[in-house]
PDB file of all heavy atoms in Angstrom:
ATOM      1  N   ALA A   1     223.818 199.428 166.481  1.00  0.00           N
ATOM      2  CA  ALA A   1     225.018 198.601 166.363  1.00  0.00           C
ATOM      3  C   ALA A   1     225.990 199.268 165.396  1.00  0.00           C
ATOM      4  O   ALA A   1     225.588 200.024 164.509  1.00  0.00           O
ATOM      5  CB  ALA A   1     224.640 197.212 165.868  1.00  0.00           C
ATOM      6  N   GLY A   2     227.275 198.993 165.546  1.00  0.00           N
ATOM      7  CA  GLY A   2     228.253 199.605 164.645  1.00  0.00           C
ATOM      8  C   GLY A   2     229.672 199.396 165.124  1.00  0.00           C
ATOM      9  O   GLY A   2     229.922 198.707 166.121  1.00  0.00           O
ATOM     10  N   SER A   3     230.623 199.992 164.410  1.00  0.00           N
ATOM     11  CA  SER A   3     232.046 199.867 164.722  1.00  0.00           C
ATOM     12  C   SER A   3     232.673 201.248 164.856  1.00  0.00           C
ATOM     13  O   SER A   3     232.187 202.230 164.287  1.00  0.00           O
ATOM     14  CB  SER A   3     232.769 199.078 163.628  1.00  0.00           C
ATOM     15  OG  SER A   3     232.246 197.765 163.518  1.00  0.00           O
ATOM     16  N   PHE A   4     233.757 201.326 165.607  1.00  0.00           N
ATOM     17  CA  PHE A   4     234.482 202.586 165.773  1.00  0.00           C
ATOM     18  C   PHE A   4     235.914 202.295 166.197  1.00  0.00           C
ATOM     19  O   PHE A   4     236.259 201.155 166.543  1.00  0.00           O
ATOM     20  CB  PHE A   4     233.785 203.486 166.799  1.00  0.00           C
ATOM     21  CG  PHE A   4     233.958 203.049 168.240  1.00  0.00           C
ATOM     22  CD1 PHE A   4     234.748 203.779 169.120  1.00  0.00           C
ATOM     23  CD2 PHE A   4     233.328 201.910 168.731  1.00  0.00           C
ATOM     24  CE1 PHE A   4     234.904 203.392 170.452  1.00  0.00           C
ATOM     25  CE2 PHE A   4     233.481 201.510 170.051  1.00  0.00           C
ATOM     26  CZ  PHE A   4     234.272 202.259 170.914  1.00  0.00           C
ATOM     27  N   GLN A   5     236.745 203.325 166.171  1.00  0.00           N
ATOM     28  CA  GLN A   5     238.116 203.225 166.635  1.00  0.00           C
ATOM     29  C   GLN A   5     238.164 203.688 168.088  1.00  0.00           C
ATOM     30  O   GLN A   5     237.884 204.841 168.400  1.00  0.00           O
ATOM     31  CB  GLN A   5     239.046 204.075 165.768  1.00  0.00           C
ATOM     32  CG  GLN A   5     239.158 203.594 164.330  1.00  0.00           C
ATOM     33  CD  GLN A   5     239.758 202.198 164.237  1.00  0.00           C
ATOM     34  OE1 GLN A   5     240.874 201.957 164.708  1.00  0.00           O
ATOM     35  NE2 GLN A   5     239.026 201.278 163.636  1.00  0.00           N
ATOM     36  N   MET A   6     238.515 202.763 168.969  1.00  0.00           N
ATOM     37  CA  MET A   6     238.504 203.034 170.404  1.00  0.00           C
ATOM     38  C   MET A   6     239.901 203.368 170.887  1.00  0.00           C
ATOM     39  O   MET A   6     240.874 202.733 170.491  1.00  0.00           O
ATOM     40  CB  MET A   6     237.962 201.815 171.154  1.00  0.00           C
ATOM     41  CG  MET A   6     237.787 202.023 172.654  1.00  0.00           C
ATOM     42  SD  MET A   6     236.931 200.592 173.395  1.00  0.00           S
ATOM     43  CE  MET A   6     236.814 201.125 175.105  1.00  0.00           C
ATOM     44  N   GLY A   7     240.000 204.375 171.765  1.00  0.00           N
ATOM     45  CA  GLY A   7     241.283 204.747 172.333  1.00  0.00           C
ATOM     46  C   GLY A   7     241.896 205.943 171.642  1.00  0.00           C
ATOM     47  O   GLY A   7     241.289 206.586 170.777  1.00  0.00           O
ATOM     48  N   SER A   8     243.125 206.252 172.026  1.00  0.00           N
ATOM     49  CA  SER A   8     243.834 207.403 171.474  1.00  0.00           C
ATOM     50  C   SER A   8     245.327 207.193 171.617  1.00  0.00           C
ATOM     51  O   SER A   8     245.801 206.695 172.644  1.00  0.00           O
ATOM     52  CB  SER A   8     243.423 208.680 172.211  1.00  0.00           C
ATOM     53  OG  SER A   8     244.223 209.773 171.826  1.00  0.00           O
ATOM     54  N   ASN A   9     246.064 207.562 170.579  1.00  0.00           N
ATOM     55  CA  ASN A   9     247.519 207.512 170.621  1.00  0.00           C
ATOM     56  C   ASN A   9     248.113 208.897 170.868  1.00  0.00           C
ATOM     57  O   ASN A   9     249.277 209.154 170.577  1.00  0.00           O
ATOM     58  CB  ASN A   9     248.073 206.949 169.310  1.00  0.00           C
ATOM     59  CG  ASN A   9     247.787 205.463 169.171  1.00  0.00           C
ATOM     60  OD1 ASN A   9     247.721 204.737 170.157  1.00  0.00           O
ATOM     61  ND2 ASN A   9     247.593 205.002 167.937  1.00  0.00           N
ATOM     62  N   THR A  10     247.311 209.801 171.415  1.00  0.00           N
ATOM     63  CA  THR A  10     247.751 211.175 171.660  1.00  0.00           C
ATOM     64  C   THR A  10     248.967 211.190 172.577  1.00  0.00           C
ATOM     65  O   THR A  10     248.962 210.556 173.642  1.00  0.00           O
ATOM     66  CB  THR A  10     246.614 211.979 172.310  1.00  0.00           C
ATOM     67  OG1 THR A  10     245.479 211.942 171.454  1.00  0.00           O
ATOM     68  CG2 THR A  10     247.029 213.417 172.544  1.00  0.00           C
ATOM     69  N   PRO A  11     250.032 211.924 172.198  1.00  0.00           N
ATOM     70  CA  PRO A  11     251.221 211.998 173.052  1.00  0.00           C
ATOM     71  C   PRO A  11     250.964 212.841 174.293  1.00  0.00           C
ATOM     72  O   PRO A  11     249.970 213.576 174.390  1.00  0.00           O
ATOM     73  CB  PRO A  11     252.258 212.661 172.138  1.00  0.00           C
ATOM     74  CG  PRO A  11     251.443 213.465 171.175  1.00  0.00           C
ATOM     75  CD  PRO A  11     250.191 212.671 170.952  1.00  0.00           C
ATOM     76  N   GLY A  12     251.878 212.761 175.272  1.00  0.00           N
ATOM     77  CA  GLY A  12     251.769 213.554 176.482  1.00  0.00           C
ATOM     78  C   GLY A  12     251.985 215.030 176.197  1.00  0.00           C
ATOM     79  O   GLY A  12     252.429 215.429 175.122  1.00  0.00           O
ATOM     80  N   GLY A  13     251.661 215.866 177.171  1.00  0.00           N
ATOM     81  CA  GLY A  13     251.820 217.304 177.008  1.00  0.00           C
ATOM     82  C   GLY A  13     250.527 217.984 176.639  1.00  0.00           C
ATOM     83  O   GLY A  13     249.590 217.365 176.128  1.00  0.00           O
ATOM     84  N   ALA A  14     250.485 219.308 176.915  1.00  0.00           N
ATOM     85  CA  ALA A  14     249.277 220.093 176.663  1.00  0.00           C
ATOM     86  C   ALA A  14     248.944 220.086 175.173  1.00  0.00           C
ATOM     87  O   ALA A  14     249.832 219.998 174.333  1.00  0.00           O
ATOM     88  CB  ALA A  14     249.488 221.525 177.161  1.00  0.00           C
ATOM     89  N   PRO A  15     247.659 220.180 174.803  1.00  0.00           N
ATOM     90  CA  PRO A  15     246.512 220.346 175.707  1.00  0.00           C
ATOM     91  C   PRO A  15     245.824 219.044 176.103  1.00  0.00           C
ATOM     92  O   PRO A  15     244.876 219.062 176.878  1.00  0.00           O
ATOM     93  CB  PRO A  15     245.561 221.201 174.869  1.00  0.00           C
ATOM     94  CG  PRO A  15     245.778 220.698 173.475  1.00  0.00           C
ATOM     95  CD  PRO A  15     247.246 220.391 173.379  1.00  0.00           C
ATOM     96  N   TYR A  16     246.299 217.890 175.571  1.00  0.00           N
ATOM     97  CA  TYR A  16     245.551 216.648 175.779  1.00  0.00           C
ATOM     98  C   TYR A  16     246.152 215.730 176.839  1.00  0.00           C
ATOM     99  O   TYR A  16     245.441 214.922 177.434  1.00  0.00           O
ATOM    100  CB  TYR A  16     245.427 215.881 174.464  1.00  0.00           C
ATOM    101  CG  TYR A  16     244.748 216.667 173.373  1.00  0.00           C
ATOM    102  CD1 TYR A  16     245.378 216.897 172.149  1.00  0.00           C
ATOM    103  CD2 TYR A  16     243.482 217.204 173.562  1.00  0.00           C
ATOM    104  CE1 TYR A  16     244.764 217.624 171.148  1.00  0.00           C
ATOM    105  CE2 TYR A  16     242.855 217.941 172.566  1.00  0.00           C
ATOM    106  CZ  TYR A  16     243.503 218.152 171.359  1.00  0.00           C
ATOM    107  OH  TYR A  16     242.893 218.871 170.368  1.00  0.00           O
ATOM    108  N   PHE A  17     247.482 215.822 177.057  1.00  0.00           N
ATOM    109  CA  PHE A  17     248.149 215.021 178.078  1.00  0.00           C
ATOM    110  C   PHE A  17     247.804 213.541 177.920  1.00  0.00           C
ATOM    111  O   PHE A  17     247.311 212.879 178.836  1.00  0.00           O
ATOM    112  CB  PHE A  17     247.768 215.510 179.479  1.00  0.00           C
ATOM    113  CG  PHE A  17     248.160 216.940 179.741  1.00  0.00           C
ATOM    114  CD1 PHE A  17     247.263 217.981 179.533  1.00  0.00           C
ATOM    115  CD2 PHE A  17     249.449 217.245 180.156  1.00  0.00           C
ATOM    116  CE1 PHE A  17     247.623 219.297 179.751  1.00  0.00           C
ATOM    117  CE2 PHE A  17     249.819 218.575 180.379  1.00  0.00           C
ATOM    118  CZ  PHE A  17     248.905 219.600 180.179  1.00  0.00           C
ATOM    119  N   GLY A  18     248.039 213.022 176.717  1.00  0.00           N
ATOM    120  CA  GLY A  18     247.759 211.616 176.446  1.00  0.00           C
ATOM    121  C   GLY A  18     248.585 210.690 177.315  1.00  0.00           C
ATOM    122  O   GLY A  18     249.652 211.058 177.814  1.00  0.00           O
ATOM    123  N   ASP A  19     248.114 209.476 177.519  1.00  0.00           N
ATOM    124  CA  ASP A  19     248.849 208.498 178.323  1.00  0.00           C
ATOM    125  C   ASP A  19     248.611 207.105 177.762  1.00  0.00           C
ATOM    126  O   ASP A  19     247.740 206.892 176.916  1.00  0.00           O
ATOM    127  CB  ASP A  19     248.438 208.574 179.793  1.00  0.00           C
ATOM    128  CG  ASP A  19     246.981 208.219 180.008  1.00  0.00           C
ATOM    129  OD1 ASP A  19     246.683 207.013 180.095  1.00  0.00           O
ATOM    130  OD2 ASP A  19     246.145 209.139 180.069  1.00  0.00           O
ATOM    131  N   SER A  20     249.376 206.163 178.259  1.00  0.00           N
ATOM    132  CA  SER A  20     249.385 204.814 177.678  1.00  0.00           C
ATOM    133  C   SER A  20     248.097 204.046 177.941  1.00  0.00           C
ATOM    134  O   SER A  20     247.831 203.041 177.274  1.00  0.00           O
ATOM    135  CB  SER A  20     250.573 204.021 178.226  1.00  0.00           C
ATOM    136  OG  SER A  20     250.481 203.887 179.638  1.00  0.00           O
ATOM    137  N   THR A  21     247.273 204.464 178.924  1.00  0.00           N
ATOM    138  CA  THR A  21     246.064 203.691 179.233  1.00  0.00           C
ATOM    139  C   THR A  21     245.058 203.705 178.084  1.00  0.00           C
ATOM    140  O   THR A  21     244.192 202.826 178.014  1.00  0.00           O
ATOM    141  CB  THR A  21     245.363 204.230 180.496  1.00  0.00           C
ATOM    142  OG1 THR A  21     244.919 205.568 180.268  1.00  0.00           O
ATOM    143  CG2 THR A  21     246.303 204.191 181.693  1.00  0.00           C
ATOM    144  N   THR A  22     245.165 204.698 177.184  1.00  0.00           N
ATOM    145  CA  THR A  22     244.224 204.773 176.057  1.00  0.00           C
ATOM    146  C   THR A  22     244.779 204.094 174.805  1.00  0.00           C
ATOM    147  O   THR A  22     244.144 204.156 173.747  1.00  0.00           O
ATOM    148  CB  THR A  22     243.892 206.238 175.729  1.00  0.00           C
ATOM    149  OG1 THR A  22     245.068 206.894 175.250  1.00  0.00           O
ATOM    150  CG2 THR A  22     243.362 206.969 176.953  1.00  0.00           C
ATOM    151  N   GLN A  23     245.927 203.458 174.917  1.00  0.00           N
ATOM    152  CA  GLN A  23     246.597 202.851 173.763  1.00  0.00           C
ATOM    153  C   GLN A  23     246.559 201.332 173.874  1.00  0.00           C
ATOM    154  O   GLN A  23     246.504 200.783 174.977  1.00  0.00           O
ATOM    155  CB  GLN A  23     248.044 203.343 173.703  1.00  0.00           C
ATOM    156  CG  GLN A  23     248.169 204.848 173.589  1.00  0.00           C
ATOM    157  CD  GLN A  23     249.603 205.325 173.733  1.00  0.00           C
ATOM    158  OE1 GLN A  23     250.540 204.539 173.792  1.00  0.00           O
ATOM    159  NE2 GLN A  23     249.785 206.638 173.814  1.00  0.00           N
ATOM    160  N   PRO A  24     246.635 200.640 172.726  1.00  0.00           N
ATOM    161  CA  PRO A  24     246.642 201.183 171.375  1.00  0.00           C
ATOM    162  C   PRO A  24     245.222 201.475 170.882  1.00  0.00           C
ATOM    163  O   PRO A  24     244.240 200.901 171.378  1.00  0.00           O
ATOM    164  CB  PRO A  24     247.261 200.049 170.566  1.00  0.00           C
ATOM    165  CG  PRO A  24     246.766 198.810 171.270  1.00  0.00           C
ATOM    166  CD  PRO A  24     246.760 199.166 172.730  1.00  0.00           C
ATOM    167  N   VAL A  25     245.133 202.339 169.891  1.00  0.00           N
ATOM    168  CA  VAL A  25     243.854 202.512 169.202  1.00  0.00           C
ATOM    169  C   VAL A  25     243.514 201.194 168.514  1.00  0.00           C
ATOM    170  O   VAL A  25     244.378 200.570 167.895  1.00  0.00           O
ATOM    171  CB  VAL A  25     243.944 203.657 168.174  1.00  0.00           C
ATOM    172  CG1 VAL A  25     242.657 203.731 167.360  1.00  0.00           C
ATOM    173  CG2 VAL A  25     244.201 204.981 168.880  1.00  0.00           C
ATOM    174  N   HIS A  26     242.293 200.742 168.638  1.00  0.00           N
ATOM    175  CA  HIS A  26     241.907 199.452 168.076  1.00  0.00           C
ATOM    176  C   HIS A  26     240.452 199.498 167.626  1.00  0.00           C
ATOM    177  O   HIS A  26     239.640 200.290 168.125  1.00  0.00           O
ATOM    178  CB  HIS A  26     242.109 198.327 169.096  1.00  0.00           C
ATOM    179  CG  HIS A  26     241.427 198.546 170.406  1.00  0.00           C
ATOM    180  ND1 HIS A  26     241.781 199.549 171.300  1.00  0.00           N
ATOM    181  CD2 HIS A  26     240.380 197.899 170.993  1.00  0.00           C
ATOM    182  CE1 HIS A  26     241.010 199.509 172.363  1.00  0.00           C
ATOM    183  NE2 HIS A  26     240.141 198.521 172.198  1.00  0.00           N
ATOM    184  N   SER A  27     240.139 198.652 166.690  1.00  0.00           N
ATOM    185  CA  SER A  27     238.795 198.618 166.122  1.00  0.00           C
ATOM    186  C   SER A  27     237.873 197.812 167.032  1.00  0.00           C
ATOM    187  O   SER A  27     238.196 196.688 167.440  1.00  0.00           O
ATOM    188  CB  SER A  27     238.828 197.988 164.729  1.00  0.00           C
ATOM    189  OG  SER A  27     237.519 197.898 164.196  1.00  0.00           O
ATOM    190  N   VAL A  28     236.727 198.391 167.350  1.00  0.00           N
ATOM    191  CA  VAL A  28     235.734 197.735 168.207  1.00  0.00           C
ATOM    192  C   VAL A  28     234.390 197.703 167.476  1.00  0.00           C
ATOM    193  O   VAL A  28     233.962 198.709 166.906  1.00  0.00           O
ATOM    194  CB  VAL A  28     235.578 198.475 169.548  1.00  0.00           C
ATOM    195  CG1 VAL A  28     234.404 197.910 170.350  1.00  0.00           C
ATOM    196  CG2 VAL A  28     236.857 198.381 170.361  1.00  0.00           C
ATOM    197  N   THR A  29     233.763 196.557 167.513  1.00  0.00           N
ATOM    198  CA  THR A  29     232.413 196.404 166.961  1.00  0.00           C
ATOM    199  C   THR A  29     231.435 196.152 168.090  1.00  0.00           C
ATOM    200  O   THR A  29     231.659 195.275 168.936  1.00  0.00           O
ATOM    201  CB  THR A  29     232.353 195.245 165.954  1.00  0.00           C
ATOM    202  OG1 THR A  29     233.191 195.549 164.839  1.00  0.00           O
ATOM    203  CG2 THR A  29     230.925 195.025 165.462  1.00  0.00           C
TER     204      THR A  29
END
């Protein structure tokens, strides 16, 4: 059991090509 930060606010463009589906980063237990 534990907690972590889920998601990513990485912007678009190489090398990660972030997108809105991973936003917002939020705390999950």
